[in-house]
Each structure stands twice: as C-alpha cells, then as structure tokens.
Protein backbone atom coordinates (compact mmCIF):
# COMPACT_ATOMS: atom_id res chain seq x y z
CA MET A 1 -20.08 -6.04 -1.72
CA ASN A 2 -16.32 -6.08 -2.21
CA LEU A 3 -14.98 -9.43 -3.39
CA MET A 4 -12.60 -9.45 -0.40
CA ASP A 5 -15.62 -9.95 1.86
CA LEU A 6 -15.90 -13.47 0.43
CA SER A 7 -14.02 -16.36 1.96
CA ALA A 8 -11.08 -17.77 0.02
CA THR A 9 -13.16 -20.88 -0.70
CA GLU A 10 -16.06 -18.84 -2.07
CA LEU A 11 -13.83 -16.55 -4.12
CA ALA A 12 -11.84 -19.40 -5.68
CA THR A 13 -15.11 -21.15 -6.61
CA GLN A 14 -16.39 -18.03 -8.35
CA VAL A 15 -13.11 -17.53 -10.20
CA ARG A 16 -13.01 -21.15 -11.33
CA ASP A 17 -16.60 -21.08 -12.62
CA GLY A 18 -16.00 -17.80 -14.46
CA THR A 19 -18.30 -15.62 -12.35
CA VAL A 20 -15.30 -13.52 -11.27
CA THR A 21 -12.03 -12.96 -13.10
CA PRO A 22 -8.64 -13.16 -11.36
CA GLN A 23 -8.04 -9.59 -12.51
CA ALA A 24 -11.20 -8.39 -10.76
CA ALA A 25 -10.21 -10.17 -7.54
CA ALA A 26 -6.75 -8.60 -7.66
CA ALA A 27 -8.23 -5.15 -8.26
CA ALA A 28 -10.65 -5.56 -5.34
CA ALA A 29 -7.81 -6.48 -3.00
CA ARG A 30 -5.68 -3.57 -4.18
CA ASP A 31 -8.61 -1.17 -3.70
CA ARG A 32 -9.23 -2.48 -0.18
CA ALA A 33 -5.54 -2.12 0.65
CA ALA A 34 -5.52 1.45 -0.65
CA ALA A 35 -8.54 2.30 1.49
CA ARG A 36 -7.62 0.53 4.70
CA ASN A 37 -3.89 -0.02 4.91
CA PRO A 38 -3.01 3.65 5.57
CA VAL A 39 -4.83 3.34 8.90
CA LEU A 40 -3.94 -0.27 9.77
CA ASN A 41 -0.33 -0.39 8.50
CA ALA A 42 -0.88 -4.08 7.82
CA LEU A 43 1.21 -4.16 4.63
CA THR A 44 4.79 -3.11 3.95
CA LEU A 45 4.17 -3.02 0.19
CA ILE A 46 1.80 -3.94 -2.63
CA ASN A 47 3.25 -6.44 -5.07
CA PRO A 48 4.07 -4.52 -8.28
CA ALA A 49 3.57 -7.75 -10.27
CA LEU A 50 0.02 -8.28 -8.95
CA ASP A 51 -1.68 -7.61 -12.29
CA ALA A 52 0.76 -9.84 -14.15
CA GLU A 53 0.14 -12.65 -11.66
CA ALA A 54 -3.63 -12.30 -12.11
CA GLU A 55 -3.21 -12.42 -15.92
CA THR A 56 -1.16 -15.61 -15.55
CA VAL A 57 -3.87 -17.25 -13.46
CA ALA A 58 -6.49 -16.28 -16.05
CA ARG A 59 -4.37 -17.86 -18.81
CA ARG A 60 -3.84 -21.05 -16.77
CA LEU A 61 -7.59 -21.37 -16.18
CA ALA A 62 -8.27 -20.85 -19.87
CA GLU A 63 -5.82 -23.67 -20.59
CA GLY A 64 -7.86 -25.98 -18.38
CA GLU A 65 -5.79 -26.09 -15.19
CA ASP A 66 -7.66 -26.94 -11.97
CA LEU A 67 -6.48 -24.32 -9.47
CA PRO A 68 -7.86 -24.73 -5.92
CA LEU A 69 -6.91 -21.14 -4.96
CA ALA A 70 -7.68 -19.61 -8.34
CA GLY A 71 -7.34 -15.83 -8.17
CA VAL A 72 -7.29 -15.63 -4.36
CA PRO A 73 -5.14 -12.68 -3.21
CA VAL A 74 -2.94 -13.54 -0.24
CA VAL A 75 -0.62 -11.61 2.08
CA ILE A 76 2.76 -13.09 3.03
CA LYS A 77 4.46 -12.19 6.32
CA ASP A 78 7.60 -10.06 6.11
CA ASN A 79 9.91 -12.86 7.21
CA ILE A 80 8.95 -15.35 4.47
CA TRP A 81 10.81 -15.13 1.17
CA VAL A 82 8.82 -14.02 -1.89
CA LYS A 83 10.98 -13.93 -5.00
CA ASP A 84 12.02 -10.46 -6.19
CA LEU A 85 10.25 -8.62 -3.34
CA PRO A 86 11.85 -6.78 -0.38
CA ILE A 87 11.57 -9.04 2.69
CA THR A 88 13.03 -7.40 5.78
CA GLN A 89 11.82 -9.00 9.04
CA GLY A 90 10.84 -5.45 9.97
CA SER A 91 14.51 -4.63 10.52
CA ARG A 92 16.81 -1.89 9.26
CA LEU A 93 19.49 -4.58 9.07
CA PHE A 94 17.63 -6.12 6.10
CA GLU A 95 16.47 -2.90 4.45
CA GLY A 96 16.99 -3.37 0.74
CA PHE A 97 17.18 -7.17 0.88
CA ILE A 98 15.43 -8.77 -2.10
CA ALA A 99 14.40 -12.40 -1.72
CA PRO A 100 16.28 -14.51 -4.29
CA GLN A 101 13.56 -17.17 -4.48
CA ASP A 102 10.15 -18.14 -3.15
CA ALA A 103 9.85 -20.12 0.04
CA THR A 104 8.45 -23.55 -0.82
CA ALA A 105 5.10 -22.65 0.75
CA VAL A 106 4.83 -19.48 -1.36
CA ALA A 107 5.61 -21.49 -4.48
CA ARG A 108 2.83 -23.92 -3.55
CA LEU A 109 0.34 -21.08 -3.11
CA ARG A 110 1.25 -19.71 -6.55
CA ARG A 111 1.02 -23.20 -8.09
CA ALA A 112 -2.53 -23.47 -6.70
CA GLY A 113 -3.53 -20.20 -8.38
CA ALA A 114 -3.14 -17.69 -5.54
CA VAL A 115 -1.75 -14.24 -6.30
CA ILE A 116 0.46 -12.28 -3.91
CA LEU A 117 -1.21 -8.98 -2.97
CA GLY A 118 1.65 -7.86 -0.77
CA ILE A 119 3.82 -8.33 2.29
CA GLY A 120 2.43 -8.17 5.84
CA THR A 121 4.26 -6.35 8.61
CA CYS A 122 5.85 -8.34 11.41
CA SER A 123 7.73 -7.41 14.56
CA GLU A 124 11.50 -7.24 14.16
CA PHE A 125 12.98 -10.72 13.57
CA ALA A 126 9.45 -12.03 14.37
CA CYS A 127 10.46 -12.03 18.05
CA LYS A 128 8.00 -9.73 19.80
CA GLY A 129 4.37 -9.97 20.93
CA SER A 130 3.29 -6.68 19.33
CA THR A 131 3.93 -5.34 15.84
CA ASN A 132 5.78 -2.04 16.00
CA THR A 133 8.91 -2.15 13.88
CA PRO A 134 11.88 0.19 13.40
CA LEU A 135 11.42 -0.01 9.63
CA TYR A 136 7.65 0.27 9.18
CA GLY A 137 6.20 1.55 12.44
CA MET A 138 3.06 0.52 14.30
CA THR A 139 0.36 -1.88 13.09
CA ARG A 140 -3.14 -1.43 14.49
CA ASN A 141 -6.03 -3.75 15.31
CA PRO A 142 -8.92 -3.43 12.79
CA LEU A 143 -11.49 -3.79 15.58
CA ASP A 144 -10.06 -0.99 17.71
CA LEU A 145 -7.31 1.19 16.28
CA SER A 146 -6.11 2.04 19.78
CA ARG A 147 -5.20 -1.65 20.31
CA THR A 148 -2.49 -3.92 19.00
CA PRO A 149 -3.20 -6.92 16.78
CA GLY A 150 -0.40 -8.68 18.67
CA GLY A 151 2.73 -10.11 17.13
CA SER A 152 4.70 -11.19 15.47
CA SER A 153 2.14 -11.87 12.69
CA GLY A 154 0.34 -8.57 13.31
CA GLY A 155 0.26 -7.39 9.70
CA PRO A 156 -1.08 -10.59 8.13
CA VAL A 157 -3.86 -10.96 10.71
CA ALA A 158 -4.81 -7.29 10.42
CA ALA A 159 -5.02 -7.71 6.65
CA VAL A 160 -7.35 -10.71 6.98
CA ALA A 161 -9.49 -9.29 9.79
CA GLY A 162 -9.59 -5.91 8.05
CA GLY A 163 -11.05 -7.39 4.88
CA ILE A 164 -8.01 -6.67 2.68
CA VAL A 165 -7.56 -10.37 1.80
CA PRO A 166 -9.30 -13.58 2.87
CA LEU A 167 -6.08 -15.55 3.41
CA ALA A 168 -2.56 -14.90 4.67
CA LEU A 169 0.56 -16.87 5.47
CA GLY A 170 2.29 -16.25 8.78
CA THR A 171 4.87 -17.94 10.95
CA ASP A 172 4.74 -19.31 14.49
CA ALA A 173 7.74 -19.88 16.76
CA GLY A 174 5.92 -19.25 20.04
CA GLY A 175 2.30 -18.50 19.23
CA SER A 176 2.32 -15.96 16.39
CA SER A 177 -0.30 -17.85 14.38
CA ARG A 178 -2.60 -18.15 17.38
CA ARG A 179 -2.37 -15.11 19.66
CA PRO A 180 -2.67 -12.41 16.95
CA PRO A 181 -5.67 -14.14 15.33
CA ALA A 182 -7.27 -14.32 18.79
CA HIS A 183 -6.82 -10.57 19.20
CA VAL A 184 -8.57 -9.74 15.91
CA GLY A 185 -11.29 -12.41 15.80
CA ILE A 186 -10.00 -14.71 13.06
CA ILE A 187 -8.63 -18.28 12.87
CA GLY A 188 -5.03 -19.45 12.80
CA LEU A 189 -3.49 -22.91 12.64
CA LYS A 190 -0.09 -23.90 13.99
CA PRO A 191 0.59 -27.12 12.06
CA THR A 192 2.64 -30.10 13.20
CA GLN A 193 6.33 -29.25 13.04
CA ASP A 194 7.69 -29.55 9.45
CA LEU A 195 4.33 -30.54 7.95
CA ILE A 196 4.70 -27.44 5.76
CA PRO A 197 8.29 -27.06 4.51
CA TYR A 198 10.03 -24.14 6.25
CA GLY A 199 12.21 -22.11 3.92
CA PRO A 200 14.33 -21.43 2.03
CA GLY A 201 14.61 -18.23 3.99
CA PHE A 202 16.30 -16.43 6.87
CA ASP A 203 18.24 -18.07 9.68
CA GLU A 204 16.11 -18.71 12.76
CA PRO A 205 17.05 -17.72 16.33
CA VAL A 206 15.83 -21.16 17.46
CA TRP A 207 15.81 -23.96 14.90
CA GLY A 208 13.19 -26.69 14.94
CA ILE A 209 10.28 -24.83 16.53
CA SER A 210 9.08 -22.44 13.79
CA VAL A 211 6.28 -23.33 11.41
CA LEU A 212 4.54 -21.63 8.51
CA ALA A 213 0.90 -21.07 9.31
CA PRO A 214 -2.29 -20.18 7.40
CA LEU A 215 -4.53 -17.38 8.71
CA ALA A 216 -8.15 -16.96 7.60
CA ARG A 217 -11.68 -16.06 8.64
CA THR A 218 -13.13 -19.59 8.33
CA VAL A 219 -12.05 -23.11 9.19
CA ALA A 220 -12.93 -24.12 5.61
CA ASP A 221 -10.32 -21.69 4.30
CA ILE A 222 -7.69 -23.08 6.68
CA ARG A 223 -8.49 -26.60 5.42
CA LEU A 224 -8.22 -25.42 1.80
CA ALA A 225 -4.89 -23.76 2.52
CA MET A 226 -3.53 -26.88 4.21
CA ALA A 227 -4.57 -29.03 1.24
CA VAL A 228 -2.37 -26.76 -0.88
CA LEU A 229 0.49 -26.20 1.55
CA ALA A 230 0.82 -29.75 2.92
CA ASP A 231 -1.27 -32.01 0.67
CA LEU A 232 -3.46 -32.56 3.74
CA GLU A 233 -6.37 -34.88 3.02
CA PRO A 234 -9.72 -34.54 4.83
CA ALA A 235 -10.21 -36.77 7.89
CA GLU A 236 -12.85 -37.62 10.44
CA PRO A 237 -12.92 -35.38 13.53
CA LEU A 238 -10.92 -36.27 16.61
CA ARG A 239 -12.96 -38.53 18.86
CA GLY A 240 -12.43 -39.40 22.49
CA PRO A 241 -12.07 -37.40 25.68
CA LEU A 242 -11.47 -33.67 25.19
CA ALA A 243 -9.63 -32.23 28.15
CA PHE A 244 -9.98 -28.59 29.07
CA SER A 245 -8.01 -26.31 31.35
CA ALA A 246 -8.45 -22.60 31.98
CA ASP A 247 -4.86 -22.16 33.15
CA PHE A 248 -3.04 -24.96 31.20
CA GLY A 249 -1.78 -26.29 34.52
CA LEU A 250 0.34 -23.15 35.01
CA GLY A 251 -1.66 -21.18 37.57
CA GLN A 252 -1.89 -18.35 35.03
CA LYS A 253 -4.42 -15.65 35.91
CA LEU A 254 -7.08 -14.68 33.35
CA ASP A 255 -8.89 -11.46 32.69
CA ARG A 256 -12.49 -11.79 33.84
CA GLY A 257 -13.88 -11.68 30.30
CA VAL A 258 -11.54 -14.45 29.17
CA ALA A 259 -12.58 -16.70 32.07
CA GLU A 260 -16.28 -16.12 31.41
CA ALA A 261 -15.97 -16.70 27.66
CA PHE A 262 -13.91 -19.85 28.17
CA ASP A 263 -16.45 -21.31 30.60
CA ALA A 264 -19.26 -20.51 28.16
CA GLY A 265 -17.34 -22.11 25.31
CA ILE A 266 -16.66 -25.33 27.22
CA ALA A 267 -20.30 -25.51 28.27
CA ALA A 268 -21.38 -25.17 24.63
CA ILE A 269 -18.95 -27.89 23.50
CA ALA A 270 -20.13 -30.26 26.22
CA GLY A 271 -23.76 -29.41 25.53
CA ALA A 272 -23.31 -30.51 21.92
CA GLY A 273 -22.34 -33.99 23.07
CA HIS A 274 -18.56 -33.83 23.18
CA VAL A 275 -17.16 -35.60 26.22
CA THR A 276 -15.10 -33.10 28.16
CA GLY A 277 -13.33 -33.10 31.50
CA PRO A 278 -10.86 -30.90 33.37
CA ALA A 279 -7.24 -31.99 33.03
CA ALA A 280 -3.85 -30.39 32.42
CA PRO A 281 -0.22 -31.46 32.12
CA ASP A 282 2.06 -31.49 35.14
CA TRP A 283 4.79 -29.15 33.93
CA GLU A 284 7.25 -29.95 36.74
CA GLY A 285 7.82 -26.24 37.30
CA LEU A 286 8.51 -25.44 33.64
CA ASP A 287 6.77 -22.71 31.65
CA GLY A 288 7.34 -20.57 28.59
CA MET A 289 10.04 -18.52 30.28
CA SER A 290 12.06 -21.70 30.85
CA VAL A 291 12.95 -21.78 27.15
CA MET A 292 13.34 -18.03 26.47
CA PRO A 293 17.15 -18.21 26.85
CA LEU A 294 17.16 -20.12 23.56
CA GLN A 295 15.62 -17.16 21.72
CA HIS A 296 17.86 -14.65 23.46
CA ALA A 297 21.02 -16.65 22.75
CA GLY A 298 19.94 -17.21 19.15
CA LEU A 299 19.32 -13.51 18.59
CA ALA A 300 22.68 -12.70 20.16
CA ALA A 301 24.42 -15.16 17.85
CA LEU A 302 22.74 -13.70 14.77
CA PHE A 303 22.72 -9.99 15.57
CA GLY A 304 24.86 -9.36 18.65
CA ALA A 305 27.69 -7.77 16.69
CA GLN A 306 25.34 -5.39 14.84
CA TRP A 307 23.62 -4.44 18.11
CA ARG A 308 26.90 -3.62 19.81
CA ALA A 309 28.14 -1.68 16.77
CA ALA A 310 24.97 0.37 16.16
CA PRO A 311 22.26 -0.18 18.78
CA GLY A 312 20.11 2.58 17.34
CA ARG A 313 19.34 0.42 14.31
CA ILE A 314 17.50 -2.29 16.31
CA ASP A 315 14.25 -2.16 18.32
CA PRO A 316 15.27 -1.57 21.97
CA ASP A 317 13.00 -4.45 23.06
CA LEU A 318 14.97 -6.75 20.73
CA GLY A 319 18.19 -5.17 21.95
CA ALA A 320 17.27 -6.17 25.49
CA GLN A 321 16.80 -9.77 24.31
CA ILE A 322 20.16 -9.66 22.54
CA GLU A 323 21.90 -8.29 25.65
CA SER A 324 20.31 -11.05 27.69
CA GLY A 325 21.60 -13.59 25.19
CA LEU A 326 25.13 -12.16 25.21
CA ALA A 327 25.22 -12.49 29.00
CA LEU A 328 24.06 -16.12 29.11
CA SER A 329 26.41 -18.92 30.08
CA GLY A 330 26.66 -22.13 28.13
CA VAL A 331 25.16 -23.90 31.13
CA ALA A 332 22.10 -21.63 31.06
CA VAL A 333 21.55 -22.31 27.36
CA ALA A 334 21.94 -26.05 27.95
CA GLU A 335 19.38 -25.85 30.76
CA ALA A 336 16.93 -24.19 28.37
CA HIS A 337 17.52 -26.98 25.84
CA HIS A 338 16.74 -29.53 28.56
CA ALA A 339 13.59 -27.58 29.46
CA SER A 340 12.51 -27.66 25.81
CA HIS A 341 12.97 -31.43 25.71
CA ARG A 342 11.02 -31.93 28.96
CA ILE A 343 8.15 -29.73 27.72
CA ARG A 344 8.01 -31.82 24.55
CA THR A 345 7.93 -35.07 26.51
CA ILE A 346 5.33 -33.86 29.02
CA LEU A 347 2.88 -32.46 26.48
CA ARG A 348 3.18 -35.35 24.03
CA ASP A 349 2.59 -37.82 26.85
CA PHE A 350 -0.48 -35.90 27.99
CA LEU A 351 -1.90 -35.76 24.46
CA SER A 352 -1.34 -39.48 23.99
CA ARG A 353 -3.99 -39.96 26.69
CA HIS A 354 -6.47 -37.29 25.55
CA ALA A 355 -7.88 -36.66 22.08
CA ALA A 356 -7.33 -32.94 22.52
CA LEU A 357 -6.80 -30.23 25.12
CA ILE A 358 -8.71 -26.95 25.04
CA THR A 359 -7.33 -23.81 26.71
CA PRO A 360 -7.81 -20.09 26.28
CA THR A 361 -5.58 -18.88 23.44
CA THR A 362 -4.54 -15.85 25.47
CA PRO A 363 -5.25 -14.85 29.06
CA CYS A 364 -6.19 -11.32 27.99
CA ALA A 365 -7.63 -9.33 25.11
CA ALA A 366 -5.62 -6.98 22.90
CA TRP A 367 -3.83 -4.24 24.84
CA PRO A 368 -3.02 -0.59 23.96
CA VAL A 369 -1.08 -0.37 20.73
CA GLU A 370 1.78 1.67 22.16
CA LEU A 371 2.70 -1.05 24.68
CA SER A 372 4.84 -4.09 23.92
CA ALA A 373 2.80 -6.19 26.38
CA PRO A 374 -0.17 -5.69 28.72
CA ALA A 375 0.54 -4.02 32.05
CA SER A 376 -1.76 -6.37 33.97
CA ILE A 377 -3.72 -9.59 33.54
CA GLY A 378 -6.49 -10.75 35.84
CA GLY A 379 -6.26 -7.53 37.81
CA ALA A 380 -2.63 -8.11 38.80
CA PRO A 381 0.69 -6.87 37.37
CA CYS A 382 2.11 -9.35 34.90
CA GLY A 383 5.39 -10.30 33.31
CA PRO A 384 6.29 -9.36 29.73
CA ARG A 385 5.45 -12.84 28.39
CA ASP A 386 2.39 -13.70 30.49
CA HIS A 387 0.16 -12.85 27.53
CA ALA A 388 1.88 -15.76 25.72
CA ALA A 389 1.55 -18.25 28.57
CA PHE A 390 -0.46 -20.83 26.61
CA THR A 391 1.26 -21.06 23.24
CA SER A 392 5.02 -21.67 23.12
CA GLN A 393 4.78 -25.15 24.67
CA LEU A 394 3.18 -26.37 21.43
CA ASN A 395 6.19 -25.21 19.43
CA HIS A 396 8.65 -27.08 21.62
CA ALA A 397 6.44 -30.18 21.49
CA GLY A 398 5.91 -29.94 17.72
CA CYS A 399 2.15 -30.35 18.19
CA PRO A 400 -0.61 -28.79 16.07
CA ALA A 401 -3.05 -26.27 17.54
CA ILE A 402 -5.80 -24.05 16.21
CA THR A 403 -7.31 -20.88 17.64
CA LEU A 404 -11.05 -20.26 17.27
CA PRO A 405 -12.94 -17.06 18.19
CA CYS A 406 -14.88 -17.47 21.43
CA GLY A 407 -16.79 -14.50 22.80
CA SER A 408 -15.76 -10.92 23.51
CA ASP A 409 -14.82 -8.94 26.59
CA ALA A 410 -16.66 -5.98 28.10
CA ASN A 411 -14.89 -3.66 25.65
CA GLY A 412 -16.09 -5.67 22.67
CA LEU A 413 -12.64 -7.09 21.98
CA PRO A 414 -12.55 -10.65 20.62
CA LEU A 415 -11.38 -13.63 22.66
CA ALA A 416 -10.53 -17.18 21.64
CA VAL A 417 -9.93 -20.78 22.60
CA GLN A 418 -7.01 -22.94 21.51
CA ILE A 419 -7.44 -26.62 20.68
CA MET A 420 -4.32 -28.80 20.54
CA THR A 421 -3.66 -32.43 19.75
CA ALA A 422 -0.83 -34.89 19.15
CA PRO A 423 1.60 -34.45 16.25
CA GLY A 424 0.36 -35.60 12.86
CA ARG A 425 -3.34 -35.26 13.67
CA ASP A 426 -3.79 -31.93 11.87
CA ALA A 427 -6.56 -33.13 9.55
CA GLU A 428 -8.54 -34.60 12.45
CA LEU A 429 -8.00 -31.39 14.44
CA LEU A 430 -9.35 -29.28 11.57
CA ALA A 431 -12.40 -31.53 11.28
CA LEU A 432 -13.05 -31.15 15.01
CA ALA A 433 -12.56 -27.38 14.74
CA ALA A 434 -15.17 -27.26 11.97
CA GLU A 435 -17.64 -28.93 14.35
CA ILE A 436 -16.75 -26.78 17.36
CA ALA A 437 -16.42 -23.32 15.80
CA PRO A 438 -20.19 -22.79 15.26
CA LEU A 439 -20.91 -23.85 18.86
CA LEU A 440 -18.76 -21.17 20.49
CA PRO A 441 -20.04 -17.78 21.69
CA PRO A 442 -19.63 -15.33 18.81
CA ALA A 443 -16.70 -12.95 19.01
CA THR A 444 -16.62 -9.39 17.78
CA THR A 445 -15.29 -9.26 14.23
CA ALA A 446 -14.51 -6.39 11.88
CA GLN A 447 -17.47 -5.34 9.76
CA PRO A 448 -17.24 -5.92 6.02
CA GLY A 449 -18.44 -3.43 3.47
CA GLY A 450 -17.23 -0.01 2.49
CA ALA A 451 -14.33 0.56 0.16
C-alpha cells in the first residue's frame, strides 16, 4: 500500500509515533504524482524544496514538537500564495510570478507539520466551472478521464481523489470547494466567511465572498485541517429540524440520478432518527445569476485593459466575462450588490429557523472534459451556470456548507449532498457531517493501490 492511500489523520499519527518518517511520506507523494499526474494534470509543479521541508519536520519532531499534521503532504491551489513558488491563477498574465510570502493559511499548515507537495491547477482567475487553463491545459477527473473534475479547484480535488495526497487547500467564491469534490467523490468544506484568514495574495474580482477551503477524503481530515487553519474546537452536532430541498427553492431541474440519490440520502438520514422536513428559502426571484455582474465587473476592472490589448493571452470564456463586465452600467452593478445583500438576508433568516438545510451539491454529475459546462440538465438544455445553481448563495450569505458523497449515477459517476447552516456553526456542522456521512448511499470513488 502506498502511504498516500492513508487519510491525513492516519498518516500524521504514524509519523508522530515514528512508524513512518516525514521523508518516506514525501517520497510516496512524489512517486504518486510522477505516476498519476501526467494523465490527470492535477499539479502545475512539484515543490523543489519538498525534501528539505520533510527534513525540517523530522528535526522538529526529534526536538519534541507536537505537530498535528506531521509529515502530511498537501497540495495548494494555484491562486493561493506559497512563498518562493510560481503561483499563476492559471493565467499567462501571471506566468513567472513568484509568491513573495506564504498566505496565512499556508503558514499555518507548515507550522502544524505539513509539507507542500506542489501546486494544484485551477481555472483562470479561479472564475470558471471547469479546469482548462491557457497556461497548463486540461485537468481530468480521476474516476473517468473523459470527464471534468469541475472548477475552479479542479487540480486540488483531482490530486486528493487520485490518491496523490490526502489533503489539499482550495478556494471557494461560488462553490469551488463543493462542486468539484462532488464530481470526484471526496469532501469539501466552505467555512464561514473569514474564519480562515484570506491572503495575503491576489486581488479578488469580488471581495468578501471568497474563502480558503480544505479538501479531503474523510470528514475527520476536514476537522483536523480546520483545527489547524482556524483553531476550530470540536463541538456537539447540530440538533433541531433539518430542512431538505431538492431544488433549493429555485425550480432547478435535476438529472434523474441526482434526484434518486438525493431521495435515498434523505430517507437514510431520516431513518437514522434525524428530524427532517421539506422547506426552502423564498428567494424573491433571485438566483446565482443575479450576482454574476459582480464577478464580470470585477474581472473587467482587474484585467479589462490586458484583454483589450492582447485577447489571445486570456481564456475566451474569461474574455466573455470581461467583455460583459466592461459593458455593464453602474446601475447594473449596484443592482447586483443589492441582490447579494438580499440573498444574504434571506438565507440567514431561513437558517435562523432551521438547524441546517440539505440540498444536492450539484444538479448533475461531471460532464465531458472538453466542455466548459454541461449541455443539458434533467433532460433539458441548460444555462452556463445551472450546474452551480446550489452553491453561490452560501458565499454571499457568508454561511458554512459541506459536501458529502451520496450515491452515483448510471454511469458510475459520484454525486453528493450539501449541508449548510448559519454562520459560525462550522464545528457543529462538521460534527453533524461525521454522523451523516456513513448513512448516505456510497458514491463511486477512485481506487487506491498501484504506483
């Protein structure tokens, strides 16, 4: 068995008790990356200082330090600063940029004994629902290489699902720590806004909605990561009425497999004694597209001049967003800000009356890798952001949410449910997720073993 088939919790325990050395863990991760990354394209680079970092962890352990992530190799998304490494946001505009310092979250991972295996691919500017970048090309789903892992955290989730590392750090400004994990059969947490410090790093198209987010194969590993990243203490599970809604109150169609898996998941949760009932927010006509002008305007402000000067250097899908932003009026941007505020008010009010709300994470499974978005959902043509219908509201509300694997479709592709709660209840949400995860129908996951 390769050490990367262990969970982060198991691996750190073995490193701390001396069964495994940090150097051996680093070598196992590098070997897995060498064997699997050429096919997956999950990583932009392997950290040239990996061995030195492992030696440092070994010395710190010998000196008696208690390191909760001792020797655990991690992958960091290509829009999060890692000191002295090229961090590019998948864009030719940042080719050659070297991060001048670690993001605070990266520094906390290192302080806890983690080592940085490498950098995980992300869609350009982390603003696209598939991972196919001008700088690094196409990232593939470990469960089916003809499918996308989603985006923008496609590389980090492919690295975790593909057995290259047990833990990764992504970002989430509209669902990128929830939808990609759902497409590859792993777990991702979107924490409460600002629970994990964001930055130092790149300017954001939309400030105040992005979070840093742990990605792993077990809830226990997410809890361990949050203890390191946010000093999050264990808590009792959320108690009280759990609402569920297959369409999140939006009328969103679902693929048949998603609907069947969601119904089976809710039945299992209720059968285990959790009080559940159908309920959803009244969105007053608002949905995820109501706030998209904020992203388009933000991209235009950051990169509009470069797009106009040399459009061939930017992903055409991002260019279309920039053009949309350049054409927006101030009134349209203000309307999107008002929509963001209303979404925040509506969802927080709903969650003040329910312990949690459970929805599908995505209305569809992973789609063909060459497409930016699925062509249809629920048997009907769909819009370019319908696959993200259930996630961006949480960012504008600042609420935590976790995605858990829940069944598979007829093609064997994994599906998932999303559980959300009120801001600040992350520890209680994780405790509830630990109870619920074993109850859900098993999803297809990548098989360990091999190189």
